[in-house]
């Protein structure tokens, strides 16, 4: 991974255009080819980025100080360096990946085996569908054949909705999968997370752990 802190301006040219005026920023260049531009005021979310696969060209001569990042669709991210304050590279090696909570991992396995829990006619594509930013818990198709990405949590909070939003943004760039809609599934979903999910067009699904395991509720019922 290469870390560059520089005063720079950034221009994006693709399906739309965007401009970031000159300011000090952090530029991350990862081994997978992705490039992202960060400020100091918005947690993990970049100001702009280019997902892999893409190519980075550093200008020379008259174009010295100009970085051009181009993806397979021909979209460009142009970074104009005014002053480089820090430039370092670090070998991180292969990441072992996120170790899920035992209940979350079991919920994923159970839901994949009983994918019809999400609705009649659903079919599984695969568990742990890999993207450039991590694996989607479950990728499946609904009765109409539309691709559905499912993020599973024991307790559904805003961070989980944000995570699924990032997955959907990437998946919808793949013409073989798009359009992709999202389902946020958990044993419990916080009200704020439900509001955010609804605002972003993501469905919420409460998971009954015992029902997925095939265990009947032992509470007395009136029939």
C-alpha atoms as a PDB file:
ATOM      1  CA  UNK A   1       0.000   0.000   0.000  1.00  0.00           C
ATOM      2  CA  UNK A   2       1.218   3.485  -0.886  1.00  0.00           C
ATOM      3  CA  UNK A   3       0.278   6.430   1.319  1.00  0.00           C
ATOM      4  CA  UNK A   4       0.614   9.922  -0.114  1.00  0.00           C
ATOM      5  CA  UNK A   5      -0.337  13.110   1.718  1.00  0.00           C
ATOM      6  CA  UNK A   6      -0.387  16.020  -0.695  1.00  0.00           C
ATOM      7  CA  UNK A   7      -1.955  19.335  -1.480  1.00  0.00           C
ATOM      8  CA  UNK A   8      -3.842  18.492  -4.637  1.00  0.00           C
ATOM      9  CA  UNK A   9      -6.931  19.018  -6.753  1.00  0.00           C
ATOM     10  CA  UNK A  10      -8.925  16.114  -8.179  1.00  0.00           C
ATOM     11  CA  UNK A  11     -11.097  15.811 -11.280  1.00  0.00           C
ATOM     12  CA  UNK A  12     -13.308  12.864 -12.180  1.00  0.00           C
ATOM     13  CA  UNK A  13     -14.487  12.324 -15.744  1.00  0.00           C
ATOM     14  CA  UNK A  14     -16.878   9.490 -16.524  1.00  0.00           C
ATOM     15  CA  UNK A  15     -20.623   9.044 -16.342  1.00  0.00           C
ATOM     16  CA  UNK A  16     -20.594  12.444 -14.643  1.00  0.00           C
ATOM     17  CA  UNK A  17     -17.949  15.023 -13.786  1.00  0.00           C
ATOM     18  CA  UNK A  18     -16.792  16.108 -10.348  1.00  0.00           C
ATOM     19  CA  UNK A  19     -14.113  18.475  -9.070  1.00  0.00           C
ATOM     20  CA  UNK A  20     -12.323  18.704  -5.731  1.00  0.00           C
ATOM     21  CA  UNK A  21     -10.523  22.036  -5.331  1.00  0.00           C
ATOM     22  CA  UNK A  22      -7.014  22.299  -3.971  1.00  0.00           C
ATOM     23  CA  UNK A  23      -6.589  21.078  -0.371  1.00  0.00           C
ATOM     24  CA  UNK A  24      -4.374  18.736   1.674  1.00  0.00           C
ATOM     25  CA  UNK A  25      -5.579  15.142   1.238  1.00  0.00           C
ATOM     26  CA  UNK A  26      -4.584  11.523   1.801  1.00  0.00           C
ATOM     27  CA  UNK A  27      -4.246   9.366  -1.323  1.00  0.00           C
ATOM     28  CA  UNK A  28      -4.317   5.576  -0.893  1.00  0.00           C
ATOM     29  CA  UNK A  29      -2.961   3.379  -3.675  1.00  0.00           C
ATOM     30  CA  UNK A  30      -3.619  -0.283  -2.885  1.00  0.00           C
ATOM     31  CA  UNK A  31      -2.044  -3.410  -4.296  1.00  0.00           C
ATOM     32  CA  UNK A  32      -5.356  -4.392  -5.921  1.00  0.00           C
ATOM     33  CA  UNK A  33      -5.072  -1.279  -8.129  1.00  0.00           C
ATOM     34  CA  UNK A  34      -7.668   0.850  -6.353  1.00  0.00           C
ATOM     35  CA  UNK A  35      -7.017   4.533  -5.692  1.00  0.00           C
ATOM     36  CA  UNK A  36      -8.989   6.575  -3.162  1.00  0.00           C
ATOM     37  CA  UNK A  37      -8.866  10.198  -2.007  1.00  0.00           C
ATOM     38  CA  UNK A  38      -9.540  10.960   1.665  1.00  0.00           C
ATOM     39  CA  UNK A  39     -10.140  14.044   3.791  1.00  0.00           C
ATOM     40  CA  UNK A  40      -9.758  14.288   7.560  1.00  0.00           C
ATOM     41  CA  UNK A  41     -13.447  14.778   8.368  1.00  0.00           C
ATOM     42  CA  UNK A  42     -15.512  11.802   7.149  1.00  0.00           C
ATOM     43  CA  UNK A  43     -14.323   8.598   8.830  1.00  0.00           C
ATOM     44  CA  UNK A  44     -13.601   5.812   6.316  1.00  0.00           C
ATOM     45  CA  UNK A  45     -15.567   7.121   3.311  1.00  0.00           C
ATOM     46  CA  UNK A  46     -13.372   8.575   0.530  1.00  0.00           C
ATOM     47  CA  UNK A  47     -14.092  11.846  -1.267  1.00  0.00           C
ATOM     48  CA  UNK A  48     -13.538  10.089  -4.575  1.00  0.00           C
ATOM     49  CA  UNK A  49     -12.109   6.778  -5.679  1.00  0.00           C
ATOM     50  CA  UNK A  50     -11.464   4.397  -8.558  1.00  0.00           C
ATOM     51  CA  UNK A  51     -12.182   0.728  -7.993  1.00  0.00           C
ATOM     52  CA  UNK A  52     -10.021  -2.019  -9.513  1.00  0.00           C
ATOM     53  CA  UNK A  53      -9.105  -2.990 -12.090  1.00  0.00           C
ATOM     54  CA  UNK A  54      -7.559   0.326 -13.037  1.00  0.00           C
ATOM     55  CA  UNK A  55      -4.199   1.744 -14.124  1.00  0.00           C
ATOM     56  CA  UNK A  56      -2.268   4.607 -12.550  1.00  0.00           C
ATOM     57  CA  UNK A  57       0.054   6.734 -14.687  1.00  0.00           C
ATOM     58  CA  UNK A  58       2.275   9.373 -13.098  1.00  0.00           C
ATOM     59  CA  UNK A  59       2.997  12.210 -15.499  1.00  0.00           C
ATOM     60  CA  UNK A  60       6.491  13.196 -16.590  1.00  0.00           C
ATOM     61  CA  UNK A  61       7.955  16.292 -18.199  1.00  0.00           C
ATOM     62  CA  UNK A  62       5.265  18.890 -18.754  1.00  0.00           C
ATOM     63  CA  UNK A  63       2.750  16.600 -17.015  1.00  0.00           C
ATOM     64  CA  UNK A  64       4.916  15.993 -13.956  1.00  0.00           C
ATOM     65  CA  UNK A  65       2.804  16.020 -10.830  1.00  0.00           C
ATOM     66  CA  UNK A  66      -0.325  14.871 -12.636  1.00  0.00           C
ATOM     67  CA  UNK A  67      -1.616  11.386 -11.813  1.00  0.00           C
ATOM     68  CA  UNK A  68      -4.156   9.831 -14.166  1.00  0.00           C
ATOM     69  CA  UNK A  69      -6.124   6.793 -13.023  1.00  0.00           C
ATOM     70  CA  UNK A  70      -8.157   4.996 -15.712  1.00  0.00           C
ATOM     71  CA  UNK A  71     -10.548   2.070 -15.174  1.00  0.00           C
ATOM     72  CA  UNK A  72     -11.725  -0.542 -17.684  1.00  0.00           C
ATOM     73  CA  UNK A  73     -14.745   1.613 -18.606  1.00  0.00           C
ATOM     74  CA  UNK A  74     -12.453   4.486 -19.623  1.00  0.00           C
ATOM     75  CA  UNK A  75     -13.429   6.680 -16.679  1.00  0.00           C
ATOM     76  CA  UNK A  76     -10.621   8.897 -15.388  1.00  0.00           C
ATOM     77  CA  UNK A  77      -9.564  10.234 -12.026  1.00  0.00           C
ATOM     78  CA  UNK A  78      -7.023  13.035 -12.515  1.00  0.00           C
ATOM     79  CA  UNK A  79      -5.034  14.110  -9.460  1.00  0.00           C
ATOM     80  CA  UNK A  80      -2.978  17.281  -9.817  1.00  0.00           C
ATOM     81  CA  UNK A  81      -0.261  17.450  -7.173  1.00  0.00           C
ATOM     82  CA  UNK A  82       0.831  20.853  -5.935  1.00  0.00           C
ATOM     83  CA  UNK A  83       2.949  19.761  -2.982  1.00  0.00           C
ATOM     84  CA  UNK A  84       3.734  16.275  -1.685  1.00  0.00           C
ATOM     85  CA  UNK A  85       4.018  16.268   2.102  1.00  0.00           C
ATOM     86  CA  UNK A  86       4.514  12.531   2.607  1.00  0.00           C
ATOM     87  CA  UNK A  87       5.030   9.520   0.344  1.00  0.00           C
ATOM     88  CA  UNK A  88       5.606   6.012   1.695  1.00  0.00           C
ATOM     89  CA  UNK A  89       4.931   2.409   0.683  1.00  0.00           C
ATOM     90  CA  UNK A  90       4.194  -0.528   2.962  1.00  0.00           C
ATOM     91  CA  UNK A  91       3.858  -4.260   2.259  1.00  0.00           C
ATOM     92  CA  UNK A  92       0.836  -5.501   4.217  1.00  0.00           C
ATOM     93  CA  UNK A  93       0.765  -9.059   2.877  1.00  0.00           C
ATOM     94  CA  UNK A  94      -2.332 -11.224   2.561  1.00  0.00           C
ATOM     95  CA  UNK A  95      -5.093 -10.281   4.979  1.00  0.00           C
ATOM     96  CA  UNK A  96      -6.615 -13.238   6.881  1.00  0.00           C
ATOM     97  CA  UNK A  97     -10.059 -11.694   6.475  1.00  0.00           C
ATOM     98  CA  UNK A  98     -12.806 -10.834   8.918  1.00  0.00           C
ATOM     99  CA  UNK A  99     -13.635 -13.523  11.445  1.00  0.00           C
ATOM    100  CA  UNK A 100     -17.371 -13.327  11.874  1.00  0.00           C
ATOM    101  CA  UNK A 101     -19.249 -13.623  15.102  1.00  0.00           C
ATOM    102  CA  UNK A 102     -20.246 -17.278  15.552  1.00  0.00           C
ATOM    103  CA  UNK A 103     -23.950 -16.481  15.432  1.00  0.00           C
ATOM    104  CA  UNK A 104     -23.561 -14.353  12.280  1.00  0.00           C
ATOM    105  CA  UNK A 105     -21.618 -17.102  10.536  1.00  0.00           C
ATOM    106  CA  UNK A 106     -24.256 -19.667  11.485  1.00  0.00           C
ATOM    107  CA  UNK A 107     -27.085 -17.352  10.381  1.00  0.00           C
ATOM    108  CA  UNK A 108     -25.393 -17.004   6.996  1.00  0.00           C
ATOM    109  CA  UNK A 109     -25.067 -20.778   6.629  1.00  0.00           C
ATOM    110  CA  UNK A 110     -28.663 -21.402   7.696  1.00  0.00           C
ATOM    111  CA  UNK A 111     -30.118 -18.686   5.466  1.00  0.00           C
ATOM    112  CA  UNK A 112     -28.166 -19.970   2.466  1.00  0.00           C
ATOM    113  CA  UNK A 113     -29.646 -23.429   3.078  1.00  0.00           C
ATOM    114  CA  UNK A 114     -33.129 -21.955   3.492  1.00  0.00           C
ATOM    115  CA  UNK A 115     -32.954 -19.093   1.023  1.00  0.00           C
ATOM    116  CA  UNK A 116     -36.718 -19.287   0.498  1.00  0.00           C
ATOM    117  CA  UNK A 117     -36.976 -17.553   3.891  1.00  0.00           C
ATOM    118  CA  UNK A 118     -36.426 -14.319   1.937  1.00  0.00           C
ATOM    119  CA  UNK A 119     -39.357 -15.078  -0.346  1.00  0.00           C
ATOM    120  CA  UNK A 120     -40.906 -17.685  -2.584  1.00  0.00           C
ATOM    121  CA  UNK A 121     -38.875 -18.400  -5.702  1.00  0.00           C
ATOM    122  CA  UNK A 122     -35.506 -17.193  -4.336  1.00  0.00           C
ATOM    123  CA  UNK A 123     -32.417 -19.133  -5.437  1.00  0.00           C
ATOM    124  CA  UNK A 124     -28.860 -19.019  -4.097  1.00  0.00           C
ATOM    125  CA  UNK A 125     -25.996 -17.844  -6.324  1.00  0.00           C
ATOM    126  CA  UNK A 126     -23.320 -18.244  -3.658  1.00  0.00           C
ATOM    127  CA  UNK A 127     -22.249 -17.417  -0.126  1.00  0.00           C
ATOM    128  CA  UNK A 128     -19.316 -15.055   0.512  1.00  0.00           C
ATOM    129  CA  UNK A 129     -19.450 -13.515  -2.960  1.00  0.00           C
ATOM    130  CA  UNK A 130     -16.147 -11.648  -3.227  1.00  0.00           C
ATOM    131  CA  UNK A 131     -15.922  -7.995  -4.232  1.00  0.00           C
ATOM    132  CA  UNK A 132     -12.956  -5.612  -4.304  1.00  0.00           C
ATOM    133  CA  UNK A 133     -13.845  -4.401  -0.792  1.00  0.00           C
ATOM    134  CA  UNK A 134     -14.785  -7.712   0.795  1.00  0.00           C
ATOM    135  CA  UNK A 135     -17.266 -10.582   0.571  1.00  0.00           C
ATOM    136  CA  UNK A 136     -21.031 -10.130   0.338  1.00  0.00           C
ATOM    137  CA  UNK A 137     -22.610 -12.566   2.799  1.00  0.00           C
ATOM    138  CA  UNK A 138     -25.124 -13.987   0.321  1.00  0.00           C
ATOM    139  CA  UNK A 139     -25.782 -13.299  -3.348  1.00  0.00           C
ATOM    140  CA  UNK A 140     -29.038 -14.720  -4.695  1.00  0.00           C
ATOM    141  CA  UNK A 141     -31.861 -14.157  -7.200  1.00  0.00           C
ATOM    142  CA  UNK A 142     -35.494 -13.445  -6.468  1.00  0.00           C
ATOM    143  CA  UNK A 143     -38.491 -14.986  -8.233  1.00  0.00           C
ATOM    144  CA  UNK A 144     -38.189 -12.406 -11.031  1.00  0.00           C
ATOM    145  CA  UNK A 145     -34.527 -13.243 -11.621  1.00  0.00           C
ATOM    146  CA  UNK A 146     -33.183  -9.993 -10.137  1.00  0.00           C
ATOM    147  CA  UNK A 147     -29.879 -10.199  -8.259  1.00  0.00           C
ATOM    148  CA  UNK A 148     -30.138  -9.641  -4.506  1.00  0.00           C
ATOM    149  CA  UNK A 149     -27.215  -8.950  -2.132  1.00  0.00           C
ATOM    150  CA  UNK A 150     -27.834  -9.903   1.503  1.00  0.00           C
ATOM    151  CA  UNK A 151     -25.845  -8.541   4.430  1.00  0.00           C
ATOM    152  CA  UNK A 152     -26.340 -10.525   7.651  1.00  0.00           C
ATOM    153  CA  UNK A 153     -25.822  -9.221  11.183  1.00  0.00           C
ATOM    154  CA  UNK A 154     -26.764 -10.451  14.620  1.00  0.00           C
ATOM    155  CA  UNK A 155     -27.709  -6.882  15.512  1.00  0.00           C
ATOM    156  CA  UNK A 156     -28.477  -4.583  12.584  1.00  0.00           C
ATOM    157  CA  UNK A 157     -27.045  -1.097  13.027  1.00  0.00           C
ATOM    158  CA  UNK A 158     -26.207   1.838  10.744  1.00  0.00           C
ATOM    159  CA  UNK A 159     -22.676   0.550  10.033  1.00  0.00           C
ATOM    160  CA  UNK A 160     -24.150  -2.600   8.505  1.00  0.00           C
ATOM    161  CA  UNK A 161     -26.386  -0.555   6.192  1.00  0.00           C
ATOM    162  CA  UNK A 162     -23.379   1.515   5.114  1.00  0.00           C
ATOM    163  CA  UNK A 163     -21.422  -1.672   4.419  1.00  0.00           C
ATOM    164  CA  UNK A 164     -24.221  -3.090   2.248  1.00  0.00           C
ATOM    165  CA  UNK A 165     -24.541   0.254   0.434  1.00  0.00           C
ATOM    166  CA  UNK A 166     -20.874   0.065  -0.588  1.00  0.00           C
ATOM    167  CA  UNK A 167     -21.302  -3.515  -1.811  1.00  0.00           C
ATOM    168  CA  UNK A 168     -24.364  -2.538  -3.876  1.00  0.00           C
ATOM    169  CA  UNK A 169     -22.509   0.348  -5.475  1.00  0.00           C
ATOM    170  CA  UNK A 170     -19.786  -2.022  -6.685  1.00  0.00           C
ATOM    171  CA  UNK A 171     -22.104  -4.867  -7.702  1.00  0.00           C
ATOM    172  CA  UNK A 172     -24.282  -2.546  -9.764  1.00  0.00           C
ATOM    173  CA  UNK A 173     -21.254  -1.686 -11.901  1.00  0.00           C
ATOM    174  CA  UNK A 174     -21.178  -5.297 -13.121  1.00  0.00           C
ATOM    175  CA  UNK A 175     -23.464  -5.591 -16.168  1.00  0.00           C
ATOM    176  CA  UNK A 176     -23.810  -9.341 -15.573  1.00  0.00           C
ATOM    177  CA  UNK A 177     -25.384  -8.723 -12.160  1.00  0.00           C
ATOM    178  CA  UNK A 178     -27.072  -5.316 -12.395  1.00  0.00           C
ATOM    179  CA  UNK A 179     -29.550  -4.260 -11.298  1.00  0.00           C
ATOM    180  CA  UNK A 180     -28.754  -5.494  -7.792  1.00  0.00           C
ATOM    181  CA  UNK A 181     -30.966  -4.686  -4.819  1.00  0.00           C
ATOM    182  CA  UNK A 182     -30.133  -5.160  -1.165  1.00  0.00           C
ATOM    183  CA  UNK A 183     -31.566  -6.980   1.828  1.00  0.00           C
ATOM    184  CA  UNK A 184     -30.343  -6.144   5.332  1.00  0.00           C
ATOM    185  CA  UNK A 185     -31.015  -9.213   7.485  1.00  0.00           C
ATOM    186  CA  UNK A 186     -30.550  -9.465  11.256  1.00  0.00           C
ATOM    187  CA  UNK A 187     -32.062 -10.899  14.405  1.00  0.00           C
ATOM    188  CA  UNK A 188     -32.664  -7.331  15.547  1.00  0.00           C
ATOM    189  CA  UNK A 189     -32.591  -4.131  13.492  1.00  0.00           C
ATOM    190  CA  UNK A 190     -32.179  -0.772  15.220  1.00  0.00           C
ATOM    191  CA  UNK A 191     -34.755   1.911  14.268  1.00  0.00           C
ATOM    192  CA  UNK A 192     -32.091   4.268  12.877  1.00  0.00           C
ATOM    193  CA  UNK A 193     -30.673   1.488  10.700  1.00  0.00           C
ATOM    194  CA  UNK A 194     -34.145   0.647   9.389  1.00  0.00           C
ATOM    195  CA  UNK A 195     -34.796   4.295   8.495  1.00  0.00           C
ATOM    196  CA  UNK A 196     -31.466   4.572   6.640  1.00  0.00           C
ATOM    197  CA  UNK A 197     -32.010   1.273   4.824  1.00  0.00           C
ATOM    198  CA  UNK A 198     -35.514   2.286   3.736  1.00  0.00           C
ATOM    199  CA  UNK A 199     -34.222   5.652   2.518  1.00  0.00           C
ATOM    200  CA  UNK A 200     -31.661   3.833   0.339  1.00  0.00           C
ATOM    201  CA  UNK A 201     -34.154   1.341  -1.077  1.00  0.00           C
ATOM    202  CA  UNK A 202     -32.787  -1.567   0.975  1.00  0.00           C
ATOM    203  CA  UNK A 203     -35.260  -4.098   2.364  1.00  0.00           C
ATOM    204  CA  UNK A 204     -35.001  -5.172   6.001  1.00  0.00           C
ATOM    205  CA  UNK A 205     -35.543  -8.777   7.093  1.00  0.00           C
ATOM    206  CA  UNK A 206     -35.747 -10.004  10.678  1.00  0.00           C
ATOM    207  CA  UNK A 207     -34.197 -13.457  11.070  1.00  0.00           C
ATOM    208  CA  UNK A 208     -35.566 -15.954  13.583  1.00  0.00           C
ATOM    209  CA  UNK A 209     -32.562 -18.029  14.579  1.00  0.00           C
ATOM    210  CA  UNK A 210     -34.601 -20.896  16.028  1.00  0.00           C
ATOM    211  CA  UNK A 211     -36.920 -21.012  13.030  1.00  0.00           C
ATOM    212  CA  UNK A 212     -33.964 -21.229  10.665  1.00  0.00           C
ATOM    213  CA  UNK A 213     -32.624 -24.094  12.771  1.00  0.00           C
ATOM    214  CA  UNK A 214     -35.996 -25.814  12.597  1.00  0.00           C
ATOM    215  CA  UNK A 215     -36.691 -25.438  16.304  1.00  0.00           C
ATOM    216  CA  UNK A 216     -40.280 -24.662  17.280  1.00  0.00           C
ATOM    217  CA  UNK A 217     -40.993 -21.832  19.710  1.00  0.00           C
ATOM    218  CA  UNK A 218     -41.726 -23.448  23.078  1.00  0.00           C
ATOM    219  CA  UNK A 219     -44.046 -20.641  24.213  1.00  0.00           C
ATOM    220  CA  UNK A 220     -47.707 -21.585  24.703  1.00  0.00           C
ATOM    221  CA  UNK A 221     -49.894 -20.592  21.766  1.00  0.00           C
ATOM    222  CA  UNK A 222     -53.631 -20.198  21.357  1.00  0.00           C
ATOM    223  CA  UNK A 223     -55.029 -21.708  18.165  1.00  0.00           C
END
